[in-house]
N, C-alpha and C. Protein backbone atom coordinates (compact mmCIF):
# COMPACT_ATOMS: atom_id res chain seq x y z
N MET A 1 43.85 -33.69 -63.83
CA MET A 1 44.08 -32.48 -63.09
C MET A 1 42.80 -31.80 -62.67
N SER A 2 41.82 -31.89 -63.50
CA SER A 2 40.57 -31.26 -63.14
C SER A 2 39.91 -31.95 -61.97
N VAL A 3 40.19 -33.23 -61.78
CA VAL A 3 39.64 -33.95 -60.64
C VAL A 3 40.24 -33.43 -59.35
N LYS A 4 41.53 -33.11 -59.36
CA LYS A 4 42.19 -32.58 -58.16
C LYS A 4 41.74 -31.14 -57.89
N ALA A 5 41.43 -30.38 -58.88
CA ALA A 5 41.03 -28.98 -58.70
C ALA A 5 39.66 -28.89 -58.06
N ALA A 6 38.78 -29.80 -58.35
CA ALA A 6 37.43 -29.76 -57.81
C ALA A 6 37.41 -29.86 -56.29
N PRO A 7 38.14 -30.80 -55.64
CA PRO A 7 38.12 -30.84 -54.18
C PRO A 7 38.67 -29.57 -53.55
N GLU A 8 39.63 -28.90 -54.17
CA GLU A 8 40.16 -27.66 -53.62
C GLU A 8 39.11 -26.56 -53.64
N VAL A 9 38.31 -26.52 -54.70
CA VAL A 9 37.23 -25.53 -54.78
C VAL A 9 36.21 -25.81 -53.71
N GLU A 10 35.83 -27.07 -53.54
CA GLU A 10 34.86 -27.43 -52.50
C GLU A 10 35.40 -27.10 -51.12
N SER A 11 36.68 -27.37 -50.90
CA SER A 11 37.27 -27.10 -49.60
C SER A 11 37.34 -25.60 -49.37
N SER A 12 37.60 -24.79 -50.38
CA SER A 12 37.63 -23.35 -50.22
C SER A 12 36.24 -22.81 -49.95
N ILE A 13 35.24 -23.33 -50.57
CA ILE A 13 33.86 -22.92 -50.31
C ILE A 13 33.46 -23.30 -48.90
N SER A 14 33.75 -24.49 -48.48
CA SER A 14 33.38 -24.89 -47.13
C SER A 14 34.17 -24.11 -46.09
N THR A 15 35.39 -23.69 -46.37
CA THR A 15 36.15 -22.84 -45.46
C THR A 15 35.49 -21.47 -45.37
N ASP A 16 35.09 -20.94 -46.52
CA ASP A 16 34.37 -19.66 -46.52
C ASP A 16 33.05 -19.77 -45.76
N ASP A 17 32.35 -20.86 -46.01
CA ASP A 17 31.09 -21.08 -45.30
C ASP A 17 31.34 -21.19 -43.80
N PHE A 18 32.40 -21.90 -43.44
CA PHE A 18 32.73 -22.07 -42.03
C PHE A 18 33.07 -20.73 -41.39
N GLN A 19 33.83 -19.90 -42.09
CA GLN A 19 34.19 -18.57 -41.57
C GLN A 19 32.95 -17.69 -41.42
N ALA A 20 32.07 -17.77 -42.39
CA ALA A 20 30.83 -16.98 -42.31
C ALA A 20 29.99 -17.45 -41.12
N LEU A 21 29.92 -18.76 -40.94
CA LEU A 21 29.18 -19.32 -39.80
C LEU A 21 29.82 -18.89 -38.49
N GLU A 22 31.15 -18.93 -38.46
CA GLU A 22 31.89 -18.53 -37.27
C GLU A 22 31.60 -17.06 -36.93
N GLU A 23 31.60 -16.20 -37.93
CA GLU A 23 31.29 -14.79 -37.72
C GLU A 23 29.87 -14.61 -37.19
N LYS A 24 28.94 -15.35 -37.75
CA LYS A 24 27.55 -15.27 -37.28
C LYS A 24 27.45 -15.72 -35.83
N ILE A 25 28.19 -16.76 -35.48
CA ILE A 25 28.16 -17.25 -34.10
C ILE A 25 28.73 -16.19 -33.16
N TYR A 26 29.85 -15.57 -33.54
CA TYR A 26 30.44 -14.52 -32.69
C TYR A 26 29.50 -13.32 -32.57
N ARG A 27 28.83 -12.93 -33.65
CA ARG A 27 27.85 -11.84 -33.58
C ARG A 27 26.69 -12.22 -32.66
N THR A 28 26.26 -13.48 -32.76
CA THR A 28 25.18 -13.95 -31.90
C THR A 28 25.60 -13.92 -30.44
N ILE A 29 26.85 -14.33 -30.18
CA ILE A 29 27.36 -14.29 -28.80
C ILE A 29 27.38 -12.85 -28.30
N GLU A 30 27.83 -11.92 -29.11
CA GLU A 30 27.86 -10.51 -28.71
C GLU A 30 26.45 -9.97 -28.45
N LEU A 31 25.52 -10.35 -29.32
CA LEU A 31 24.13 -9.93 -29.12
C LEU A 31 23.57 -10.49 -27.83
N LEU A 32 23.92 -11.74 -27.54
CA LEU A 32 23.46 -12.37 -26.30
C LEU A 32 24.04 -11.65 -25.09
N LYS A 33 25.34 -11.31 -25.16
CA LYS A 33 25.97 -10.56 -24.06
C LYS A 33 25.26 -9.23 -23.86
N GLN A 34 25.00 -8.52 -24.96
CA GLN A 34 24.32 -7.22 -24.86
C GLN A 34 22.92 -7.38 -24.29
N ALA A 35 22.23 -8.42 -24.72
CA ALA A 35 20.87 -8.65 -24.22
C ALA A 35 20.90 -8.95 -22.72
N ARG A 36 21.88 -9.74 -22.28
CA ARG A 36 21.99 -10.04 -20.85
C ARG A 36 22.33 -8.80 -20.05
N GLU A 37 23.22 -7.97 -20.58
CA GLU A 37 23.56 -6.72 -19.90
C GLU A 37 22.33 -5.82 -19.82
N GLY A 38 21.59 -5.75 -20.92
CA GLY A 38 20.36 -4.95 -20.93
C GLY A 38 19.35 -5.48 -19.94
N GLN A 39 19.25 -6.78 -19.85
CA GLN A 39 18.31 -7.38 -18.90
C GLN A 39 18.74 -7.07 -17.47
N ALA A 40 20.05 -7.15 -17.19
CA ALA A 40 20.55 -6.84 -15.85
C ALA A 40 20.26 -5.39 -15.49
N VAL A 41 20.46 -4.49 -16.45
CA VAL A 41 20.17 -3.07 -16.21
C VAL A 41 18.68 -2.88 -15.94
N ALA A 42 17.86 -3.53 -16.74
CA ALA A 42 16.40 -3.41 -16.57
C ALA A 42 15.97 -3.97 -15.22
N GLU A 43 16.56 -5.08 -14.80
CA GLU A 43 16.20 -5.66 -13.50
C GLU A 43 16.61 -4.74 -12.35
N ARG A 44 17.81 -4.13 -12.47
CA ARG A 44 18.23 -3.18 -11.42
C ARG A 44 17.29 -1.99 -11.37
N GLU A 45 16.92 -1.49 -12.53
CA GLU A 45 16.00 -0.34 -12.59
C GLU A 45 14.63 -0.71 -12.01
N ALA A 46 14.16 -1.90 -12.34
CA ALA A 46 12.87 -2.36 -11.81
C ALA A 46 12.93 -2.48 -10.29
N ARG A 47 14.04 -3.02 -9.78
CA ARG A 47 14.20 -3.16 -8.33
C ARG A 47 14.22 -1.78 -7.67
N ARG A 48 14.94 -0.83 -8.28
CA ARG A 48 15.00 0.52 -7.74
C ARG A 48 13.62 1.16 -7.73
N LEU A 49 12.89 0.98 -8.81
CA LEU A 49 11.54 1.56 -8.89
C LEU A 49 10.59 0.91 -7.88
N ARG A 50 10.73 -0.41 -7.69
CA ARG A 50 9.89 -1.07 -6.68
C ARG A 50 10.18 -0.52 -5.29
N GLU A 51 11.47 -0.27 -4.99
CA GLU A 51 11.83 0.30 -3.70
C GLU A 51 11.26 1.71 -3.55
N GLN A 52 11.30 2.48 -4.63
CA GLN A 52 10.73 3.84 -4.59
C GLN A 52 9.24 3.77 -4.32
N VAL A 53 8.56 2.89 -5.02
CA VAL A 53 7.11 2.76 -4.84
C VAL A 53 6.79 2.34 -3.41
N SER A 54 7.58 1.40 -2.90
CA SER A 54 7.36 0.95 -1.52
C SER A 54 7.56 2.11 -0.55
N GLY A 55 8.60 2.90 -0.77
CA GLY A 55 8.85 4.06 0.08
C GLY A 55 7.72 5.07 -0.01
N ARG A 56 7.22 5.26 -1.22
CA ARG A 56 6.12 6.22 -1.40
C ARG A 56 4.84 5.69 -0.76
N ASP A 57 4.63 4.38 -0.83
CA ASP A 57 3.45 3.80 -0.18
C ASP A 57 3.51 4.05 1.32
N GLN A 58 4.70 3.87 1.90
CA GLN A 58 4.86 4.12 3.34
C GLN A 58 4.64 5.59 3.65
N GLU A 59 5.19 6.45 2.81
CA GLU A 59 5.02 7.89 3.02
C GLU A 59 3.55 8.29 2.90
N THR A 60 2.86 7.72 1.91
CA THR A 60 1.45 8.01 1.71
C THR A 60 0.64 7.57 2.93
N GLU A 61 0.92 6.40 3.45
CA GLU A 61 0.20 5.90 4.63
C GLU A 61 0.47 6.80 5.83
N SER A 62 1.72 7.24 5.98
CA SER A 62 2.05 8.14 7.08
C SER A 62 1.30 9.46 6.95
N LEU A 63 1.26 10.01 5.75
CA LEU A 63 0.54 11.27 5.52
C LEU A 63 -0.96 11.10 5.74
N ARG A 64 -1.50 9.95 5.36
CA ARG A 64 -2.92 9.69 5.58
C ARG A 64 -3.24 9.69 7.07
N ARG A 65 -2.38 9.02 7.85
CA ARG A 65 -2.60 9.00 9.31
C ARG A 65 -2.49 10.41 9.90
N GLU A 66 -1.54 11.19 9.38
CA GLU A 66 -1.38 12.56 9.87
C GLU A 66 -2.61 13.41 9.54
N VAL A 67 -3.16 13.27 8.35
CA VAL A 67 -4.36 14.02 7.96
C VAL A 67 -5.53 13.64 8.86
N VAL A 68 -5.69 12.35 9.13
CA VAL A 68 -6.78 11.90 10.02
C VAL A 68 -6.60 12.52 11.40
N SER A 69 -5.37 12.50 11.89
CA SER A 69 -5.09 13.08 13.20
C SER A 69 -5.37 14.59 13.22
N LEU A 70 -4.95 15.29 12.18
CA LEU A 70 -5.18 16.74 12.12
C LEU A 70 -6.66 17.07 12.01
N ARG A 71 -7.40 16.26 11.27
CA ARG A 71 -8.85 16.51 11.18
C ARG A 71 -9.52 16.30 12.54
N ARG A 72 -9.08 15.26 13.23
CA ARG A 72 -9.64 14.99 14.56
C ARG A 72 -9.32 16.16 15.50
N GLU A 73 -8.07 16.65 15.43
CA GLU A 73 -7.65 17.77 16.27
C GLU A 73 -8.44 19.03 15.91
N ARG A 74 -8.67 19.26 14.62
CA ARG A 74 -9.43 20.43 14.17
C ARG A 74 -10.85 20.38 14.73
N GLU A 75 -11.47 19.22 14.68
CA GLU A 75 -12.83 19.08 15.20
C GLU A 75 -12.86 19.33 16.71
N GLU A 76 -11.83 18.87 17.40
CA GLU A 76 -11.75 19.09 18.85
C GLU A 76 -11.61 20.59 19.15
N VAL A 77 -10.74 21.26 18.40
CA VAL A 77 -10.54 22.71 18.60
C VAL A 77 -11.82 23.45 18.26
N ARG A 78 -12.48 23.04 17.17
CA ARG A 78 -13.74 23.69 16.78
C ARG A 78 -14.77 23.57 17.91
N GLY A 79 -14.85 22.39 18.49
CA GLY A 79 -15.81 22.18 19.60
C GLY A 79 -15.48 23.07 20.79
N ARG A 80 -14.19 23.19 21.11
CA ARG A 80 -13.79 24.03 22.24
C ARG A 80 -14.08 25.50 21.96
N VAL A 81 -13.81 25.94 20.71
CA VAL A 81 -14.08 27.34 20.36
C VAL A 81 -15.59 27.61 20.42
N GLU A 82 -16.41 26.69 19.92
CA GLU A 82 -17.87 26.88 19.98
C GLU A 82 -18.34 26.96 21.43
N LYS A 83 -17.74 26.13 22.27
CA LYS A 83 -18.11 26.15 23.69
C LYS A 83 -17.77 27.51 24.31
N MET A 84 -16.57 28.04 23.98
CA MET A 84 -16.17 29.36 24.52
C MET A 84 -17.08 30.46 23.98
N LEU A 85 -17.44 30.37 22.69
CA LEU A 85 -18.33 31.39 22.11
C LEU A 85 -19.70 31.37 22.79
N LYS A 86 -20.20 30.18 23.09
CA LYS A 86 -21.49 30.09 23.80
C LYS A 86 -21.39 30.70 25.18
N GLN A 87 -20.27 30.47 25.86
CA GLN A 87 -20.09 31.06 27.18
C GLN A 87 -20.01 32.59 27.08
N ILE A 88 -19.32 33.08 26.04
CA ILE A 88 -19.23 34.53 25.85
C ILE A 88 -20.61 35.09 25.55
N ASP A 89 -21.37 34.42 24.68
CA ASP A 89 -22.74 34.87 24.37
C ASP A 89 -23.59 34.88 25.64
N ALA A 90 -23.43 33.87 26.47
CA ALA A 90 -24.21 33.81 27.70
C ALA A 90 -23.83 34.97 28.62
N LEU A 91 -22.56 35.29 28.71
CA LEU A 91 -22.12 36.41 29.56
C LEU A 91 -22.63 37.75 29.02
N THR A 92 -22.54 37.92 27.70
CA THR A 92 -23.02 39.18 27.12
C THR A 92 -24.52 39.29 27.21
N ALA A 93 -25.23 38.16 27.14
CA ALA A 93 -26.69 38.19 27.26
C ALA A 93 -27.06 38.58 28.69
N ASP A 94 -26.32 38.07 29.66
CA ASP A 94 -26.58 38.42 31.06
C ASP A 94 -26.33 39.91 31.29
N ASP A 95 -25.27 40.45 30.71
CA ASP A 95 -24.94 41.86 30.86
C ASP A 95 -26.00 42.73 30.18
N SER A 96 -26.57 42.30 29.08
CA SER A 96 -27.58 43.05 28.36
C SER A 96 -28.90 43.05 29.14
N ALA A 97 -29.15 41.98 29.82
CA ALA A 97 -30.39 41.86 30.57
C ALA A 97 -30.38 42.76 31.78
N ARG A 98 -29.28 43.17 32.23
CA ARG A 98 -29.20 43.99 33.43
C ARG A 98 -29.40 45.41 33.15
């Protein structure tokens, strides 16, 4: 009888071991699913951030061109104002000389 009892104990241990292994596999599968979902979220976020950076790069370039244009316009206006001031000085100098 003891010979028959031993295989039942071994079979019960291997069933327990199999169930424990099965649980570990299911936990591993769940962890893998979570990791893949996390990776998908991270990839979407990275793509969104890359698009934002690209948009900001375009905006920065546009603003840079606008600043260059405004500086050029300011220098042109400054030159015109200086020219008018010289003409006014010349007119007032002529009036003073008389």
